[in-house]
C-alpha atoms as a PDB file:
ATOM      1  CA  MET A   1      38.268  20.031   8.211  1.00  0.00           C
ATOM      2  CA  GLU A   2      39.542  21.010  11.552  1.00  0.00           C
ATOM      3  CA  ALA A   3      41.639  18.811  13.604  1.00  0.00           C
ATOM      4  CA  PRO A   4      40.180  17.263  16.830  1.00  0.00           C
ATOM      5  CA  GLY A   5      39.934  19.638  19.777  1.00  0.00           C
ATOM      6  CA  VAL A   6      39.907  22.784  17.609  1.00  0.00           C
ATOM      7  CA  ASN A   7      36.951  25.110  17.283  1.00  0.00           C
ATOM      8  CA  GLU A   8      35.270  25.208  13.881  1.00  0.00           C
ATOM      9  CA  ALA A   9      35.124  28.523  11.992  1.00  0.00           C
ATOM     10  CA  THR A  10      32.223  27.424   9.745  1.00  0.00           C
ATOM     11  CA  ASP A  11      28.723  28.808  10.459  1.00  0.00           C
ATOM     12  CA  TRP A  12      26.839  25.556  10.158  1.00  0.00           C
ATOM     13  CA  ASN A  13      23.505  27.277  10.937  1.00  0.00           C
ATOM     14  CA  SER A  14      23.626  28.831   7.487  1.00  0.00           C
ATOM     15  CA  VAL A  15      24.202  25.449   5.826  1.00  0.00           C
ATOM     16  CA  ILE A  16      20.929  23.833   6.746  1.00  0.00           C
ATOM     17  CA  PRO A  17      18.612  25.933   4.516  1.00  0.00           C
ATOM     18  CA  LEU A  18      21.114  25.612   1.692  1.00  0.00           C
ATOM     19  CA  ILE A  19      21.136  21.798   1.947  1.00  0.00           C
ATOM     20  CA  GLN A  20      17.354  21.845   1.975  1.00  0.00           C
ATOM     21  CA  ALA A  21      17.315  23.987  -1.106  1.00  0.00           C
ATOM     22  CA  ARG A  22      19.711  21.536  -2.779  1.00  0.00           C
ATOM     23  CA  GLN A  23      17.537  18.587  -1.955  1.00  0.00           C
ATOM     24  CA  ARG A  24      14.570  20.335  -3.507  1.00  0.00           C
ATOM     25  CA  ASP A  25      16.581  21.053  -6.651  1.00  0.00           C
ATOM     26  CA  ILE A  26      17.631  17.428  -6.952  1.00  0.00           C
ATOM     27  CA  ALA A  27      14.088  16.201  -6.481  1.00  0.00           C
ATOM     28  CA  ALA A  28      12.986  18.549  -9.315  1.00  0.00           C
ATOM     29  CA  ARG A  29      15.940  17.202 -11.413  1.00  0.00           C
ATOM     30  CA  SER A  30      16.875  20.725 -12.324  1.00  0.00           C
ATOM     31  CA  GLY A  31      20.508  19.669 -12.704  1.00  0.00           C
ATOM     32  CA  THR A  32      21.662  22.743 -10.747  1.00  0.00           C
ATOM     33  CA  GLU A  33      23.511  22.296  -7.462  1.00  0.00           C
ATOM     34  CA  THR A  34      23.379  25.217  -5.034  1.00  0.00           C
ATOM     35  CA  ALA A  35      24.248  23.552  -1.739  1.00  0.00           C
ATOM     36  CA  ARG A  36      27.567  24.483  -0.193  1.00  0.00           C
ATOM     37  CA  ILE A  37      29.310  24.425   3.154  1.00  0.00           C
ATOM     38  CA  SER A  38      31.579  27.464   3.186  1.00  0.00           C
ATOM     39  CA  GLU A  39      34.076  28.828   5.636  1.00  0.00           C
ATOM     40  CA  THR A  40      33.555  32.270   7.104  1.00  0.00           C
ATOM     41  CA  THR A  41      36.253  33.755   4.894  1.00  0.00           C
ATOM     42  CA  ALA A  42      34.543  34.502   1.549  1.00  0.00           C
ATOM     43  CA  SER A  43      37.794  34.538  -0.411  1.00  0.00           C
ATOM     44  CA  SER A  44      38.207  30.827   0.305  1.00  0.00           C
ATOM     45  CA  SER A  45      34.931  29.841  -1.290  1.00  0.00           C
ATOM     46  CA  VAL A  46      34.761  27.737  -4.478  1.00  0.00           C
ATOM     47  CA  ASN A  47      32.697  29.256  -7.218  1.00  0.00           C
ATOM     48  CA  GLY A  48      31.825  28.499 -10.824  1.00  0.00           C
ATOM     49  CA  PRO A  49      29.697  25.912 -12.659  1.00  0.00           C
ATOM     50  CA  ALA A  50      32.290  23.206 -12.478  1.00  0.00           C
ATOM     51  CA  ARG A  51      32.421  23.168  -8.671  1.00  0.00           C
ATOM     52  CA  VAL A  52      29.465  25.061  -7.265  1.00  0.00           C
ATOM     53  CA  ALA A  53      29.293  22.923  -4.130  1.00  0.00           C
ATOM     54  CA  ALA A  54      32.234  22.410  -1.949  1.00  0.00           C
ATOM     55  CA  SER A  55      32.898  21.345   1.609  1.00  0.00           C
ATOM     56  CA  LEU A  56      35.948  22.571   3.477  1.00  0.00           C
ATOM     57  CA  LEU A  57      37.936  19.849   5.292  1.00  0.00           C
ATOM     58  CA  ARG A  58      39.819  21.975   7.765  1.00  0.00           C
ATOM     59  CA  ALA A  59      42.440  22.018  10.475  1.00  0.00           C
ATOM     60  CA  GLU A  60      42.182  25.271  12.358  1.00  0.00           C
ATOM     61  CA  PRO A  61      45.060  27.026  14.110  1.00  0.00           C
ATOM     62  CA  SER A  62      45.491  25.706  17.605  1.00  0.00           C
ATOM     63  CA  GLU A  63      44.519  28.085  20.418  1.00  0.00           C
ATOM     64  CA  ASN A  64      47.197  26.473  22.590  1.00  0.00           C
ATOM     65  CA  LEU A  65      50.038  28.015  20.567  1.00  0.00           C
ATOM     66  CA  ASN A  66      51.067  31.555  21.335  1.00  0.00           C
ATOM     67  CA  LYS A  67      51.596  33.531  18.127  1.00  0.00           C
ATOM     68  CA  PRO A  68      54.721  35.719  18.161  1.00  0.00           C
ATOM     69  CA  THR A  69      54.624  39.280  16.821  1.00  0.00           C
ATOM     70  CA  ASP A  70      56.582  40.102  13.673  1.00  0.00           C
ATOM     71  CA  GLU A  71      59.278  41.735  15.674  1.00  0.00           C
ATOM     72  CA  ALA A  72      59.530  38.758  17.958  1.00  0.00           C
ATOM     73  CA  GLY A  73      59.769  36.503  14.943  1.00  0.00           C
ATOM     74  CA  LYS A  74      62.584  38.615  13.433  1.00  0.00           C
ATOM     75  CA  SER A  75      64.419  38.665  16.730  1.00  0.00           C
ATOM     76  CA  ALA A  76      63.988  34.901  17.132  1.00  0.00           C
ATOM     77  CA  ALA A  77      65.381  34.301  13.664  1.00  0.00           C
ATOM     78  CA  ALA A  78      68.508  36.212  14.563  1.00  0.00           C
ATOM     79  CA  SER A  79      69.100  34.070  17.641  1.00  0.00           C
ATOM     80  CA  MET A  80      67.697  30.718  16.382  1.00  0.00           C
ATOM     81  CA  ASN A  81      70.745  28.846  17.630  1.00  0.00           C
ATOM     82  CA  ASP A  82      70.389  30.164  21.122  1.00  0.00           C
ATOM     83  CA  LEU A  83      66.912  29.147  22.334  1.00  0.00           C
ATOM     84  CA  THR A  84      65.838  29.254  25.912  1.00  0.00           C
ATOM     85  CA  ASP A  85      64.101  26.194  27.447  1.00  0.00           C
ATOM     86  CA  ALA A  86      60.686  27.943  27.038  1.00  0.00           C
ATOM     87  CA  GLU A  87      61.407  28.744  23.399  1.00  0.00           C
ATOM     88  CA  GLN A  88      62.512  25.145  22.754  1.00  0.00           C
ATOM     89  CA  ARG A  89      59.228  23.890  24.238  1.00  0.00           C
ATOM     90  CA  THR A  90      57.343  26.268  21.865  1.00  0.00           C
ATOM     91  CA  VAL A  91      59.322  24.898  18.895  1.00  0.00           C
ATOM     92  CA  ASP A  92      58.565  21.329  19.967  1.00  0.00           C
ATOM     93  CA  ALA A  93      54.827  22.143  20.221  1.00  0.00           C
ATOM     94  CA  LEU A  94      54.842  23.900  16.853  1.00  0.00           C
ATOM     95  CA  SER A  95      56.685  21.013  15.265  1.00  0.00           C
ATOM     96  CA  ALA A  96      54.173  18.477  16.603  1.00  0.00           C
ATOM     97  CA  ARG A  97      51.231  20.614  15.482  1.00  0.00           C
ATOM     98  CA  ASP A  98      52.803  20.952  11.999  1.00  0.00           C
ATOM     99  CA  GLY A  99      52.972  17.157  11.621  1.00  0.00           C
ATOM    100  CA  GLU A 100      49.452  16.695  12.887  1.00  0.00           C
ATOM    101  CA  VAL A 101      48.023  19.246  10.516  1.00  0.00           C
ATOM    102  CA  ARG A 102      49.827  17.955   7.481  1.00  0.00           C
ATOM    103  CA  ARG A 103      48.889  14.342   8.096  1.00  0.00           C
ATOM    104  CA  HIS A 104      45.242  15.353   8.702  1.00  0.00           C
ATOM    105  CA  GLU A 105      44.918  17.364   5.458  1.00  0.00           C
ATOM    106  CA  GLN A 106      47.003  15.010   3.338  1.00  0.00           C
ATOM    107  CA  ALA A 107      44.765  12.143   4.258  1.00  0.00           C
ATOM    108  CA  HIS A 108      41.736  14.088   2.975  1.00  0.00           C
ATOM    109  CA  ALA A 109      43.551  14.984  -0.253  1.00  0.00           C
ATOM    110  CA  THR A 110      44.889  11.566  -0.972  1.00  0.00           C
ATOM    111  CA  VAL A 111      41.614   9.737  -0.525  1.00  0.00           C
ATOM    112  CA  GLY A 112      39.557  12.511  -2.208  1.00  0.00           C
ATOM    113  CA  GLY A 113      41.621  12.198  -5.369  1.00  0.00           C
ATOM    114  CA  SER A 114      40.271  14.272  -8.238  1.00  0.00           C
ATOM    115  CA  TYR A 115      37.418  15.568  -6.095  1.00  0.00           C
ATOM    116  CA  ALA A 116      39.759  17.171  -3.572  1.00  0.00           C
ATOM    117  CA  SER A 117      42.122  20.174  -3.810  1.00  0.00           C
ATOM    118  CA  ALA A 118      45.689  20.196  -2.669  1.00  0.00           C
ATOM    119  CA  PRO A 119      46.020  21.182   1.014  1.00  0.00           C
ATOM    120  CA  SER A 120      46.662  24.726   1.879  1.00  0.00           C
ATOM    121  CA  TYR A 121      48.111  25.795   5.233  1.00  0.00           C
ATOM    122  CA  THR A 122      48.209  28.586   7.719  1.00  0.00           C
ATOM    123  CA  TYR A 123      51.690  29.218   9.157  1.00  0.00           C
ATOM    124  CA  GLN A 124      53.317  30.515  12.239  1.00  0.00           C
ATOM    125  CA  VAL A 125      56.996  31.536  12.677  1.00  0.00           C
ATOM    126  CA  GLY A 126      58.536  29.800  15.635  1.00  0.00           C
ATOM    127  CA  PRO A 127      61.256  31.132  17.950  1.00  0.00           C
ATOM    128  CA  ASP A 128      63.806  29.337  15.679  1.00  0.00           C
ATOM    129  CA  GLY A 129      62.692  31.472  12.743  1.00  0.00           C
ATOM    130  CA  LYS A 130      61.142  28.547  10.895  1.00  0.00           C
ATOM    131  CA  ARG A 131      57.560  28.422   9.609  1.00  0.00           C
ATOM    132  CA  TYR A 132      55.191  25.772  10.986  1.00  0.00           C
ATOM    133  CA  ALA A 133      51.715  24.783   9.731  1.00  0.00           C
ATOM    134  CA  ILE A 134      49.212  25.399  12.530  1.00  0.00           C
ATOM    135  CA  GLY A 135      46.037  25.117  10.368  1.00  0.00           C
ATOM    136  CA  GLY A 136      45.008  24.010   6.978  1.00  0.00           C
ATOM    137  CA  GLU A 137      42.167  23.081   4.685  1.00  0.00           C
ATOM    138  CA  VAL A 138      41.258  20.878   1.740  1.00  0.00           C
ATOM    139  CA  GLN A 139      38.300  21.695  -0.470  1.00  0.00           C
ATOM    140  CA  ILE A 140      36.227  18.749  -1.768  1.00  0.00           C
ATOM    141  CA  ASP A 141      33.573  18.762  -4.430  1.00  0.00           C
ATOM    142  CA  VAL A 142      30.283  17.369  -3.047  1.00  0.00           C
ATOM    143  CA  SER A 143      28.004  18.218  -5.983  1.00  0.00           C
ATOM    144  CA  PRO A 144      26.052  15.355  -7.580  1.00  0.00           C
ATOM    145  CA  VAL A 145      26.925  14.125 -11.077  1.00  0.00           C
ATOM    146  CA  PRO A 146      24.218  15.739 -13.358  1.00  0.00           C
ATOM    147  CA  ASP A 147      21.688  13.221 -14.643  1.00  0.00           C
ATOM    148  CA  ASP A 148      23.714  10.277 -13.488  1.00  0.00           C
ATOM    149  CA  PRO A 149      22.584   8.924 -10.097  1.00  0.00           C
ATOM    150  CA  ALA A 150      24.814   5.864 -10.376  1.00  0.00           C
ATOM    151  CA  ALA A 151      27.893   8.031 -10.809  1.00  0.00           C
ATOM    152  CA  THR A 152      26.731  10.222  -7.976  1.00  0.00           C
ATOM    153  CA  ILE A 153      26.519   7.206  -5.630  1.00  0.00           C
ATOM    154  CA  ALA A 154      30.073   6.194  -6.527  1.00  0.00           C
ATOM    155  CA  LYS A 155      31.291   9.808  -6.086  1.00  0.00           C
ATOM    156  CA  MET A 156      29.711  10.208  -2.688  1.00  0.00           C
ATOM    157  CA  GLU A 157      31.328   7.043  -1.459  1.00  0.00           C
ATOM    158  CA  VAL A 158      34.727   8.618  -2.298  1.00  0.00           C
ATOM    159  CA  VAL A 159      33.717  11.902  -0.676  1.00  0.00           C
ATOM    160  CA  LYS A 160      32.670  10.152   2.522  1.00  0.00           C
ATOM    161  CA  ALA A 161      35.865   8.113   2.642  1.00  0.00           C
ATOM    162  CA  ALA A 162      37.888  11.327   2.145  1.00  0.00           C
ATOM    163  CA  ALA A 163      35.987  13.108   4.943  1.00  0.00           C
ATOM    164  CA  LEU A 164      36.757  10.239   7.388  1.00  0.00           C
ATOM    165  CA  ALA A 165      40.275   9.493   6.171  1.00  0.00           C
ATOM    166  CA  PRO A 166      42.284  11.079   9.025  1.00  0.00           C
ATOM    167  CA  ALA A 167      43.051   8.896  12.043  1.00  0.00           C
ATOM    168  CA  GLU A 168      40.793  11.082  14.206  1.00  0.00           C
ATOM    169  CA  PRO A 169      37.969  12.665  12.169  1.00  0.00           C
ATOM    170  CA  SER A 170      36.774  15.961  13.563  1.00  0.00           C
ATOM    171  CA  SER A 171      33.138  17.021  13.986  1.00  0.00           C
ATOM    172  CA  ALA A 172      33.439  18.990  10.735  1.00  0.00           C
ATOM    173  CA  ASP A 173      34.769  15.873   8.974  1.00  0.00           C
ATOM    174  CA  ARG A 174      31.772  13.920  10.174  1.00  0.00           C
ATOM    175  CA  LYS A 175      29.328  16.635   8.942  1.00  0.00           C
ATOM    176  CA  VAL A 176      30.825  16.384   5.538  1.00  0.00           C
ATOM    177  CA  ALA A 177      30.467  12.598   5.634  1.00  0.00           C
ATOM    178  CA  SER A 178      26.823  13.021   6.649  1.00  0.00           C
ATOM    179  CA  LEU A 179      26.287  15.369   3.691  1.00  0.00           C
ATOM    180  CA  ALA A 180      27.741  12.754   1.412  1.00  0.00           C
ATOM    181  CA  ASP A 181      25.408  10.147   2.892  1.00  0.00           C
ATOM    182  CA  ALA A 182      22.427  12.420   2.153  1.00  0.00           C
ATOM    183  CA  GLN A 183      23.573  12.981  -1.381  1.00  0.00           C
ATOM    184  CA  ARG A 184      24.020   9.276  -1.854  1.00  0.00           C
ATOM    185  CA  ALA A 185      20.569   8.415  -0.444  1.00  0.00           C
ATOM    186  CA  GLN A 186      18.958  10.917  -2.829  1.00  0.00           C
ATOM    187  CA  ALA A 187      20.863   9.517  -5.771  1.00  0.00           C
ATOM    188  CA  ALA A 188      19.862   5.962  -4.832  1.00  0.00           C
ATOM    189  CA  ALA A 189      16.218   7.051  -4.740  1.00  0.00           C
ATOM    190  CA  ASP A 190      16.595   8.698  -8.145  1.00  0.00           C
ATOM    191  CA  LEU A 191      18.237   5.581  -9.552  1.00  0.00           C
ATOM    192  CA  THR A 192      15.420   3.325  -8.263  1.00  0.00           C
ATOM    193  CA  ALA A 193      12.833   5.649  -9.805  1.00  0.00           C
ATOM    194  CA  LEU A 194      14.708   5.704 -13.117  1.00  0.00           C
ATOM    195  CA  ARG A 195      14.982   1.924 -13.303  1.00  0.00           C
ATOM    196  CA  ALA A 196      11.286   1.566 -12.473  1.00  0.00           C
ATOM    197  CA  ALA A 197      10.431   3.975 -15.284  1.00  0.00           C
ATOM    198  CA  GLU A 198      12.620   2.009 -17.652  1.00  0.00           C
ATOM    199  CA  ARG A 199      10.859  -1.188 -16.698  1.00  0.00           C
ATOM    200  CA  ARG A 200       7.485   0.390 -17.234  1.00  0.00           C
ATOM    201  CA  GLY A 201       8.617   1.498 -20.669  1.00  0.00           C
ATOM    202  CA  GLU A 202       9.680  -2.041 -21.577  1.00  0.00           C
ATOM    203  CA  VAL A 203       6.273  -3.384 -20.508  1.00  0.00           C
ATOM    204  CA  ASP A 204       4.454  -0.715 -22.662  1.00  0.00           C
ATOM    205  CA  GLN A 205       6.560  -1.622 -25.657  1.00  0.00           C
ATOM    206  CA  ARG A 206       5.771  -5.369 -25.308  1.00  0.00           C
ATOM    207  CA  ALA A 207       2.067  -4.547 -25.009  1.00  0.00           C
END
């Protein structure tokens, strides 16, 4: 999930048909989950039968921080004890951003529990030679529990809580929460149909 005020990297237009495909699959009770919200970097996707659907809870690098070149970073490291006022302001901004990103992503990971990955971060070297987190992500499993709508309902409640865990949920966070709501609603409908079928079976046996 990205932190508030930062542009998303996810192409959400590609998500809609995938979510629709997922809903059709669930309705058919195929047991196969194909929906996913993926970031634009393919290498960050989650694949495999165990976690075929994952949403990225992200904090993107802030556009308000100027990234130094490698040479500038090396030079800054050599003079880290002799910062100018401008460099100190940059360090202060990077330090504040680092704390914001880590709190944001850790909130997702803590509440998500076993459904969430450990946070991973994007770093920037400051004028003092230190690395600061300026972006990050947590991957969270949003696939339904196969053949168990009651367990799916419980799982989606955790997923939604994890998506909205940061003090200031971003728009991406809220989209993941909405996806969890949709999964939960489908599971609730499946559970109602299953219980109705069970009741009809009991009536037939008594007759």
